[in-house]
PDB file of N, CA and C in Angstrom:
ATOM      1  N   UNK A   1     -11.541  24.428   6.341  1.00  0.00           N
ATOM      2  CA  UNK A   1     -11.132  24.415   7.803  1.00  0.00           C
ATOM      3  C   UNK A   1     -11.030  23.308   8.329  1.00  0.00           C
ATOM      4  N   UNK A   2     -13.220  23.301   8.237  1.00  0.00           N
ATOM      5  CA  UNK A   2     -13.318  21.299   9.656  1.00  0.00           C
ATOM      6  C   UNK A   2     -12.930  20.460   8.597  1.00  0.00           C
ATOM      7  N   UNK A   3     -12.461  20.117   7.314  1.00  0.00           N
ATOM      8  CA  UNK A   3     -11.904  19.239   6.826  1.00  0.00           C
ATOM      9  C   UNK A   3     -10.425  18.972   7.119  1.00  0.00           C
ATOM     10  N   UNK A   4     -10.171  19.960   7.217  1.00  0.00           N
ATOM     11  CA  UNK A   4      -9.037  19.758   7.641  1.00  0.00           C
ATOM     12  C   UNK A   4      -8.303  19.888   9.410  1.00  0.00           C
ATOM     13  N   UNK A   5      -9.370  20.482   9.991  1.00  0.00           N
ATOM     14  CA  UNK A   5      -9.734  19.496  11.851  1.00  0.00           C
ATOM     15  C   UNK A   5      -9.888  18.278  11.548  1.00  0.00           C
ATOM     16  N   UNK A   6     -10.791  17.494  10.525  1.00  0.00           N
ATOM     17  CA  UNK A   6     -11.465  16.474  10.941  1.00  0.00           C
ATOM     18  C   UNK A   6     -10.106  15.430  10.895  1.00  0.00           C
ATOM     19  N   UNK A   7      -8.896  16.345   9.652  1.00  0.00           N
ATOM     20  CA  UNK A   7      -8.307  15.465   9.023  1.00  0.00           C
ATOM     21  C   UNK A   7      -6.889  15.312  10.427  1.00  0.00           C
ATOM     22  N   UNK A   8      -7.131  16.320  10.752  1.00  0.00           N
ATOM     23  CA  UNK A   8      -6.247  16.945  11.744  1.00  0.00           C
ATOM     24  C   UNK A   8      -6.250  15.412  12.840  1.00  0.00           C
ATOM     25  N   UNK A   9      -7.383  15.508  13.565  1.00  0.00           N
ATOM     26  CA  UNK A   9      -7.882  14.831  14.677  1.00  0.00           C
ATOM     27  C   UNK A   9      -8.057  12.817  14.390  1.00  0.00           C
ATOM     28  N   UNK A  10      -7.933  12.496  12.801  1.00  0.00           N
ATOM     29  CA  UNK A  10      -8.545  11.208  12.996  1.00  0.00           C
ATOM     30  C   UNK A  10      -6.813  11.375  12.270  1.00  0.00           C
ATOM     31  N   UNK A  11      -5.845  11.391  12.043  1.00  0.00           N
ATOM     32  CA  UNK A  11      -4.656  11.421  11.735  1.00  0.00           C
ATOM     33  C   UNK A  11      -3.516  11.561  13.167  1.00  0.00           C
ATOM     34  N   UNK A  12      -3.986  12.796  13.846  1.00  0.00           N
ATOM     35  CA  UNK A  12      -3.364  12.483  15.054  1.00  0.00           C
ATOM     36  C   UNK A  12      -3.898  10.980  16.536  1.00  0.00           C
ATOM     37  N   UNK A  13      -5.076  10.438  16.134  1.00  0.00           N
ATOM     38  CA  UNK A  13      -5.735   9.146  17.071  1.00  0.00           C
ATOM     39  C   UNK A  13      -4.941   7.953  16.197  1.00  0.00           C
ATOM     40  N   UNK A  14      -4.808   7.768  14.970  1.00  0.00           N
ATOM     41  CA  UNK A  14      -3.863   6.767  14.348  1.00  0.00           C
ATOM     42  C   UNK A  14      -2.517   6.890  14.562  1.00  0.00           C
ATOM     43  N   UNK A  15      -1.163   8.805  14.598  1.00  0.00           N
ATOM     44  CA  UNK A  15      -0.148   8.810  15.266  1.00  0.00           C
ATOM     45  C   UNK A  15       0.238   8.263  16.494  1.00  0.00           C
ATOM     46  N   UNK A  16      -1.003   8.750  17.422  1.00  0.00           N
ATOM     47  CA  UNK A  16      -1.139   7.811  19.135  1.00  0.00           C
ATOM     48  C   UNK A  16      -1.249   6.569  18.986  1.00  0.00           C
ATOM     49  N   UNK A  17      -1.882   5.647  18.196  1.00  0.00           N
ATOM     50  CA  UNK A  17      -1.853   4.268  18.051  1.00  0.00           C
ATOM     51  C   UNK A  17      -1.023   3.658  17.604  1.00  0.00           C
ATOM     52  N   UNK A  18       0.097   3.996  16.994  1.00  0.00           N
ATOM     53  CA  UNK A  18       1.004   3.145  15.889  1.00  0.00           C
ATOM     54  C   UNK A  18       2.290   4.103  17.251  1.00  0.00           C
ATOM     55  N   UNK A  19       1.947   4.956  18.335  1.00  0.00           N
ATOM     56  CA  UNK A  19       3.237   5.286  18.866  1.00  0.00           C
ATOM     57  C   UNK A  19       3.542   4.037  19.952  1.00  0.00           C
ATOM     58  N   UNK A  20       1.247   3.840  20.865  1.00  0.00           N
ATOM     59  CA  UNK A  20       1.218   3.636  21.691  1.00  0.00           C
ATOM     60  C   UNK A  20       2.065   1.490  21.244  1.00  0.00           C
ATOM     61  N   UNK A  21       1.956   1.371  20.212  1.00  0.00           N
ATOM     62  CA  UNK A  21       2.105  -0.426  19.238  1.00  0.00           C
ATOM     63  C   UNK A  21       4.172  -0.553  19.451  1.00  0.00           C
ATOM     64  N   UNK A  22       4.060   0.497  19.449  1.00  0.00           N
ATOM     65  CA  UNK A  22       5.767   0.840  18.972  1.00  0.00           C
ATOM     66  C   UNK A  22       6.082   0.682  20.698  1.00  0.00           C
ATOM     67  N   UNK A  23       5.097   0.999  21.237  1.00  0.00           N
ATOM     68  CA  UNK A  23       5.665   0.962  23.003  1.00  0.00           C
ATOM     69  C   UNK A  23       5.614   0.117  23.390  1.00  0.00           C
ATOM     70  N   UNK A  24       4.574  -0.597  23.031  1.00  0.00           N
ATOM     71  CA  UNK A  24       4.057  -1.140  23.601  1.00  0.00           C
ATOM     72  C   UNK A  24       5.272  -3.203  23.488  1.00  0.00           C
ATOM     73  N   UNK A  25       6.163  -2.741  21.949  1.00  0.00           N
ATOM     74  CA  UNK A  25       6.662  -3.709  21.057  1.00  0.00           C
ATOM     75  C   UNK A  25       8.097  -3.561  21.981  1.00  0.00           C
ATOM     76  N   UNK A  26       8.238  -2.548  22.222  1.00  0.00           N
ATOM     77  CA  UNK A  26       9.529  -2.322  23.083  1.00  0.00           C
ATOM     78  C   UNK A  26      10.081  -2.249  24.645  1.00  0.00           C
ATOM     79  N   UNK A  27       8.072  -2.240  24.922  1.00  0.00           N
ATOM     80  CA  UNK A  27       8.147  -3.026  25.794  1.00  0.00           C
ATOM     81  C   UNK A  27       8.553  -4.214  26.336  1.00  0.00           C
ATOM     82  N   UNK A  28       8.390  -5.411  25.824  1.00  0.00           N
ATOM     83  CA  UNK A  28       7.674  -6.511  25.896  1.00  0.00           C
ATOM     84  C   UNK A  28       9.623  -7.368  25.553  1.00  0.00           C
ATOM     85  N   UNK A  29      10.636  -6.434  25.169  1.00  0.00           N
ATOM     86  CA  UNK A  29      11.978  -6.586  25.406  1.00  0.00           C
ATOM     87  C   UNK A  29      12.643  -6.581  27.387  1.00  0.00           C
ATOM     88  N   UNK A  30      11.230  -6.020  28.184  1.00  0.00           N
ATOM     89  CA  UNK A  30      11.546  -5.720  29.462  1.00  0.00           C
ATOM     90  C   UNK A  30      10.875  -6.231  29.798  1.00  0.00           C
ATOM     91  N   UNK A  31      11.030  -7.527  30.585  1.00  0.00           N
ATOM     92  CA  UNK A  31       9.645  -7.456  30.776  1.00  0.00           C
ATOM     93  C   UNK A  31       9.044  -7.676  32.215  1.00  0.00           C
ATOM     94  N   UNK A  32       9.536  -6.850  33.248  1.00  0.00           N
ATOM     95  CA  UNK A  32       9.902  -5.970  34.138  1.00  0.00           C
ATOM     96  C   UNK A  32       9.039  -4.688  33.975  1.00  0.00           C
ATOM     97  N   UNK A  33       9.192  -4.378  32.911  1.00  0.00           N
ATOM     98  CA  UNK A  33       8.628  -2.647  32.729  1.00  0.00           C
ATOM     99  C   UNK A  33       6.659  -3.375  32.219  1.00  0.00           C
ATOM    100  N   UNK A  34       6.847  -4.632  31.681  1.00  0.00           N
ATOM    101  CA  UNK A  34       5.733  -5.278  31.342  1.00  0.00           C
ATOM    102  C   UNK A  34       4.797  -5.115  32.435  1.00  0.00           C
ATOM    103  N   UNK A  35       4.828  -5.394  33.327  1.00  0.00           N
ATOM    104  CA  UNK A  35       3.974  -6.128  34.597  1.00  0.00           C
ATOM    105  C   UNK A  35       4.119  -4.274  35.256  1.00  0.00           C
ATOM    106  N   UNK A  36       4.221  -3.029  34.842  1.00  0.00           N
ATOM    107  CA  UNK A  36       3.538  -1.682  35.650  1.00  0.00           C
ATOM    108  C   UNK A  36       2.710  -1.225  35.157  1.00  0.00           C
ATOM    109  N   UNK A  37       1.764  -0.537  35.615  1.00  0.00           N
ATOM    110  CA  UNK A  37       0.430   0.444  35.731  1.00  0.00           C
ATOM    111  C   UNK A  37       0.245   1.016  33.977  1.00  0.00           C
ATOM    112  N   UNK A  38       1.582   1.424  33.682  1.00  0.00           N
ATOM    113  CA  UNK A  38       1.742   1.415  31.914  1.00  0.00           C
ATOM    114  C   UNK A  38       1.547   0.273  31.030  1.00  0.00           C
ATOM    115  N   UNK A  39       1.871  -0.457  31.037  1.00  0.00           N
ATOM    116  CA  UNK A  39       2.597  -2.194  31.136  1.00  0.00           C
ATOM    117  C   UNK A  39       1.351  -2.492  30.223  1.00  0.00           C
ATOM    118  N   UNK A  40       0.617  -2.164  31.465  1.00  0.00           N
ATOM    119  CA  UNK A  40      -0.849  -3.497  31.475  1.00  0.00           C
ATOM    120  C   UNK A  40      -2.095  -2.361  31.037  1.00  0.00           C
ATOM    121  N   UNK A  41      -1.800  -1.195  30.694  1.00  0.00           N
ATOM    122  CA  UNK A  41      -2.613  -0.362  29.798  1.00  0.00           C
ATOM    123  C   UNK A  41      -2.458  -0.419  28.723  1.00  0.00           C
ATOM    124  N   UNK A  42      -1.036  -0.608  28.219  1.00  0.00           N
ATOM    125  CA  UNK A  42      -1.175  -0.753  27.064  1.00  0.00           C
ATOM    126  C   UNK A  42      -1.201  -1.970  26.035  1.00  0.00           C
ATOM    127  N   UNK A  43      -1.022  -3.122  27.528  1.00  0.00           N
ATOM    128  CA  UNK A  43      -0.890  -4.046  26.807  1.00  0.00           C
ATOM    129  C   UNK A  43      -2.558  -4.531  26.430  1.00  0.00           C
ATOM    130  N   UNK A  44      -3.507  -3.625  27.519  1.00  0.00           N
ATOM    131  CA  UNK A  44      -5.072  -4.281  26.974  1.00  0.00           C
ATOM    132  C   UNK A  44      -5.987  -3.520  25.639  1.00  0.00           C
ATOM    133  N   UNK A  45      -4.903  -1.960  25.155  1.00  0.00           N
ATOM    134  CA  UNK A  45      -4.927  -1.176  23.772  1.00  0.00           C
ATOM    135  C   UNK A  45      -4.559  -1.966  23.186  1.00  0.00           C
ATOM    136  N   UNK A  46      -3.483  -2.657  22.835  1.00  0.00           N
ATOM    137  CA  UNK A  46      -2.399  -2.987  21.431  1.00  0.00           C
ATOM    138  C   UNK A  46      -3.184  -4.842  21.427  1.00  0.00           C
ATOM    139  N   UNK A  47      -2.866  -5.130  22.357  1.00  0.00           N
ATOM    140  CA  UNK A  47      -3.011  -6.755  22.211  1.00  0.00           C
ATOM    141  C   UNK A  47      -4.238  -6.971  22.129  1.00  0.00           C
ATOM    142  N   UNK A  48      -5.749  -6.963  21.967  1.00  0.00           N
ATOM    143  CA  UNK A  48      -6.141  -6.947  20.858  1.00  0.00           C
ATOM    144  C   UNK A  48      -6.213  -7.351  19.624  1.00  0.00           C
ATOM    145  N   UNK A  49      -5.485  -5.829  18.894  1.00  0.00           N
ATOM    146  CA  UNK A  49      -5.274  -5.514  17.661  1.00  0.00           C
ATOM    147  C   UNK A  49      -4.174  -6.332  16.635  1.00  0.00           C
ATOM    148  N   UNK A  50      -3.106  -6.475  17.870  1.00  0.00           N
ATOM    149  CA  UNK A  50      -1.963  -7.223  18.506  1.00  0.00           C
ATOM    150  C   UNK A  50      -2.240  -8.911  16.939  1.00  0.00           C
ATOM    151  N   UNK A  51      -3.279  -9.481  17.720  1.00  0.00           N
ATOM    152  CA  UNK A  51      -4.166 -10.940  18.347  1.00  0.00           C
ATOM    153  C   UNK A  51      -4.324 -11.070  17.125  1.00  0.00           C
ATOM    154  N   UNK A  52      -5.053 -10.172  16.043  1.00  0.00           N
ATOM    155  CA  UNK A  52      -5.596 -10.311  14.649  1.00  0.00           C
ATOM    156  C   UNK A  52      -4.353 -10.947  13.990  1.00  0.00           C
ATOM    157  N   UNK A  53      -2.992  -9.744  13.969  1.00  0.00           N
ATOM    158  CA  UNK A  53      -2.412 -10.543  13.608  1.00  0.00           C
ATOM    159  C   UNK A  53      -1.681 -11.713  13.784  1.00  0.00           C
ATOM    160  N   UNK A  54      -1.456 -11.859  14.581  1.00  0.00           N
ATOM    161  CA  UNK A  54      -0.622 -12.772  15.566  1.00  0.00           C
ATOM    162  C   UNK A  54      -1.591 -14.197  15.052  1.00  0.00           C
ATOM    163  N   UNK A  55      -2.335 -14.319  15.282  1.00  0.00           N
ATOM    164  CA  UNK A  55      -3.563 -15.888  14.297  1.00  0.00           C
ATOM    165  C   UNK A  55      -2.723 -16.504  12.656  1.00  0.00           C
ATOM    166  N   UNK A  56      -2.580 -15.386  12.191  1.00  0.00           N
ATOM    167  CA  UNK A  56      -1.978 -15.259  10.475  1.00  0.00           C
ATOM    168  C   UNK A  56       0.049 -15.477  10.375  1.00  0.00           C
ATOM    169  N   UNK A  57      -0.260 -14.724  11.439  1.00  0.00           N
ATOM    170  CA  UNK A  57       1.226 -14.412  11.382  1.00  0.00           C
ATOM    171  C   UNK A  57       2.182 -15.396  11.495  1.00  0.00           C
ATOM    172  N   UNK A  58       2.806 -16.319  11.748  1.00  0.00           N
ATOM    173  CA  UNK A  58       3.745 -16.945  13.082  1.00  0.00           C
ATOM    174  C   UNK A  58       4.578 -15.614  13.083  1.00  0.00           C
ATOM    175  N   UNK A  59       5.519 -16.874  13.650  1.00  0.00           N
ATOM    176  CA  UNK A  59       7.298 -16.089  14.482  1.00  0.00           C
ATOM    177  C   UNK A  59       7.487 -16.579  13.265  1.00  0.00           C
ATOM    178  N   UNK A  60       8.786 -15.572  12.595  1.00  0.00           N
ATOM    179  CA  UNK A  60      10.002 -16.500  12.164  1.00  0.00           C
ATOM    180  C   UNK A  60      11.071 -16.660  13.583  1.00  0.00           C
ATOM    181  N   UNK A  61      10.970 -17.344  13.866  1.00  0.00           N
ATOM    182  CA  UNK A  61      12.421 -18.117  14.872  1.00  0.00           C
ATOM    183  C   UNK A  61      12.281 -17.310  15.687  1.00  0.00           C
ATOM    184  N   UNK A  62      12.850 -16.568  16.027  1.00  0.00           N
ATOM    185  CA  UNK A  62      12.152 -16.322  18.236  1.00  0.00           C
ATOM    186  C   UNK A  62      11.802 -14.863  17.591  1.00  0.00           C
ATOM    187  N   UNK A  63      11.583 -14.215  16.341  1.00  0.00           N
ATOM    188  CA  UNK A  63      11.565 -12.479  15.644  1.00  0.00           C
ATOM    189  C   UNK A  63       9.711 -13.069  15.763  1.00  0.00           C
ATOM    190  N   UNK A  64       9.232 -11.762  16.423  1.00  0.00           N
ATOM    191  CA  UNK A  64       6.976 -11.923  15.911  1.00  0.00           C
ATOM    192  C   UNK A  64       7.410 -10.373  14.826  1.00  0.00           C
ATOM    193  N   UNK A  65       6.978 -10.666  13.619  1.00  0.00           N
ATOM    194  CA  UNK A  65       6.422  -9.245  12.274  1.00  0.00           C
ATOM    195  C   UNK A  65       5.525  -9.158  12.313  1.00  0.00           C
ATOM    196  N   UNK A  66       4.401  -9.658  13.634  1.00  0.00           N
ATOM    197  CA  UNK A  66       3.115  -9.254  12.388  1.00  0.00           C
ATOM    198  C   UNK A  66       2.897  -8.192  14.097  1.00  0.00           C
ATOM    199  N   UNK A  67       3.604  -6.650  14.447  1.00  0.00           N
ATOM    200  CA  UNK A  67       3.739  -5.676  14.921  1.00  0.00           C
ATOM    201  C   UNK A  67       4.401  -4.573  13.162  1.00  0.00           C
ATOM    202  N   UNK A  68       5.092  -5.240  12.650  1.00  0.00           N
ATOM    203  CA  UNK A  68       5.412  -4.615  11.807  1.00  0.00           C
ATOM    204  C   UNK A  68       4.262  -4.390  10.576  1.00  0.00           C
ATOM    205  N   UNK A  69       3.589  -5.243  10.246  1.00  0.00           N
ATOM    206  CA  UNK A  69       1.974  -5.400   9.986  1.00  0.00           C
ATOM    207  C   UNK A  69       1.404  -4.791   9.924  1.00  0.00           C
ATOM    208  N   UNK A  70       1.226  -5.056  11.362  1.00  0.00           N
ATOM    209  CA  UNK A  70       0.394  -4.254  11.692  1.00  0.00           C
ATOM    210  C   UNK A  70      -0.312  -2.731  11.675  1.00  0.00           C
ATOM    211  N   UNK A  71       1.446  -2.535  11.926  1.00  0.00           N
ATOM    212  CA  UNK A  71       1.667  -0.644  11.607  1.00  0.00           C
ATOM    213  C   UNK A  71       1.176  -0.477  10.572  1.00  0.00           C
ATOM    214  N   UNK A  72       2.158  -1.062   9.618  1.00  0.00           N
ATOM    215  CA  UNK A  72       1.523  -0.632   7.815  1.00  0.00           C
ATOM    216  C   UNK A  72       0.240  -0.635   7.935  1.00  0.00           C
ATOM    217  N   UNK A  73      -0.626  -1.786   8.018  1.00  0.00           N
ATOM    218  CA  UNK A  73      -2.146  -1.912   8.075  1.00  0.00           C
ATOM    219  C   UNK A  73      -3.197  -0.938   8.311  1.00  0.00           C
ATOM    220  N   UNK A  74      -2.394  -0.152   9.555  1.00  0.00           N
ATOM    221  CA  UNK A  74      -2.939   0.704  10.404  1.00  0.00           C
ATOM    222  C   UNK A  74      -2.780   1.837   9.885  1.00  0.00           C
ATOM    223  N   UNK A  75      -1.234   2.544   8.850  1.00  0.00           N
ATOM    224  CA  UNK A  75      -1.491   3.140   8.187  1.00  0.00           C
ATOM    225  C   UNK A  75      -2.534   3.293   6.713  1.00  0.00           C
ATOM    226  N   UNK A  76      -1.739   1.984   6.732  1.00  0.00           N
ATOM    227  CA  UNK A  76      -3.161   1.735   4.878  1.00  0.00           C
ATOM    228  C   UNK A  76      -4.610   2.531   5.688  1.00  0.00           C
ATOM    229  N   UNK A  77      -5.187   1.792   6.371  1.00  0.00           N
ATOM    230  CA  UNK A  77      -6.036   1.472   7.319  1.00  0.00           C
ATOM    231  C   UNK A  77      -6.334   3.255   7.133  1.00  0.00           C
ATOM    232  N   UNK A  78      -5.535   4.420   8.272  1.00  0.00           N
ATOM    233  CA  UNK A  78      -5.987   6.175   7.764  1.00  0.00           C
ATOM    234  C   UNK A  78      -5.416   6.656   7.004  1.00  0.00           C
ATOM    235  N   UNK A  79      -4.172   6.022   6.044  1.00  0.00           N
ATOM    236  CA  UNK A  79      -4.885   6.723   4.409  1.00  0.00           C
ATOM    237  C   UNK A  79      -6.086   7.100   3.726  1.00  0.00           C
ATOM    238  N   UNK A  80      -6.349   5.196   3.725  1.00  0.00           N
ATOM    239  CA  UNK A  80      -7.616   5.777   2.809  1.00  0.00           C
ATOM    240  C   UNK A  80      -8.558   5.985   3.832  1.00  0.00           C
ATOM    241  N   UNK A  81      -8.876   6.123   4.881  1.00  0.00           N
ATOM    242  CA  UNK A  81     -10.219   6.736   6.093  1.00  0.00           C
ATOM    243  C   UNK A  81     -10.642   8.677   5.271  1.00  0.00           C
ATOM    244  N   UNK A  82      -8.642   8.760   5.511  1.00  0.00           N
ATOM    245  CA  UNK A  82      -9.033  10.738   5.665  1.00  0.00           C
ATOM    246  C   UNK A  82      -8.764  10.440   3.611  1.00  0.00           C
ATOM    247  N   UNK A  83      -8.742   9.639   2.381  1.00  0.00           N
ATOM    248  CA  UNK A  83      -9.262   9.758   1.972  1.00  0.00           C
ATOM    249  C   UNK A  83     -11.277   9.894   1.366  1.00  0.00           C
ATOM    250  N   UNK A  84     -11.740   8.655   1.848  1.00  0.00           N
ATOM    251  CA  UNK A  84     -12.874   9.060   2.419  1.00  0.00           C
ATOM    252  C   UNK A  84     -14.055  10.002   3.183  1.00  0.00           C
ATOM    253  N   UNK A  85     -12.554  10.773   3.913  1.00  0.00           N
ATOM    254  CA  UNK A  85     -13.445  11.712   4.942  1.00  0.00           C
ATOM    255  C   UNK A  85     -13.152  13.331   3.280  1.00  0.00           C
ATOM    256  N   UNK A  86     -12.312  13.073   2.459  1.00  0.00           N
ATOM    257  CA  UNK A  86     -12.006  14.011   1.603  1.00  0.00           C
ATOM    258  C   UNK A  86     -13.361  14.225   0.490  1.00  0.00           C
ATOM    259  N   UNK A  87     -13.252  12.360   0.323  1.00  0.00           N
ATOM    260  CA  UNK A  87     -14.208  12.833  -0.821  1.00  0.00           C
ATOM    261  C   UNK A  87     -15.861  12.483  -0.369  1.00  0.00           C
ATOM    262  N   UNK A  88     -16.247  12.075   1.137  1.00  0.00           N
ATOM    263  CA  UNK A  88     -17.372  12.451   1.584  1.00  0.00           C
ATOM    264  C   UNK A  88     -17.811  14.183   1.510  1.00  0.00           C
ATOM    265  N   UNK A  89     -16.141  15.112   2.194  1.00  0.00           N
ATOM    266  CA  UNK A  89     -15.686  16.815   2.307  1.00  0.00           C
ATOM    267  C   UNK A  89     -16.671  17.392   1.403  1.00  0.00           C
ATOM    268  N   UNK A  90     -15.850  17.030   0.450  1.00  0.00           N
ATOM    269  CA  UNK A  90     -16.291  18.103  -1.493  1.00  0.00           C
ATOM    270  C   UNK A  90     -17.499  16.692  -2.094  1.00  0.00           C
ATOM    271  N   UNK A  91     -17.836  16.408  -1.399  1.00  0.00           N
ATOM    272  CA  UNK A  91     -19.738  15.853  -2.236  1.00  0.00           C
ATOM    273  C   UNK A  91     -20.609  16.789  -1.877  1.00  0.00           C
ATOM    274  N   UNK A  92     -20.101  17.765  -1.287  1.00  0.00           N
ATOM    275  CA  UNK A  92     -21.303  18.394  -0.227  1.00  0.00           C
ATOM    276  C   UNK A  92     -21.023  20.679  -0.425  1.00  0.00           C
TER     277      UNK A  92
END
């Protein structure tokens, strides 16, 4: 039961952050939305993580593919963390 609740909250946190990243990327298409309070909050939450990938992945023309890689890596990290939680739980 505890394993399920830990898995649920870890998965929920990663899913919320993934949706925040998608929202932030979609907001970049409408510059007026970025200057709102929600836009500034999403910028503070998402830009440090996206900045890591933007350093290594240049845009292709006008298309920035770093958010796609960032979301893929976030899901990869989530799945790895869930496996580690399961391994630790079953050790005891």
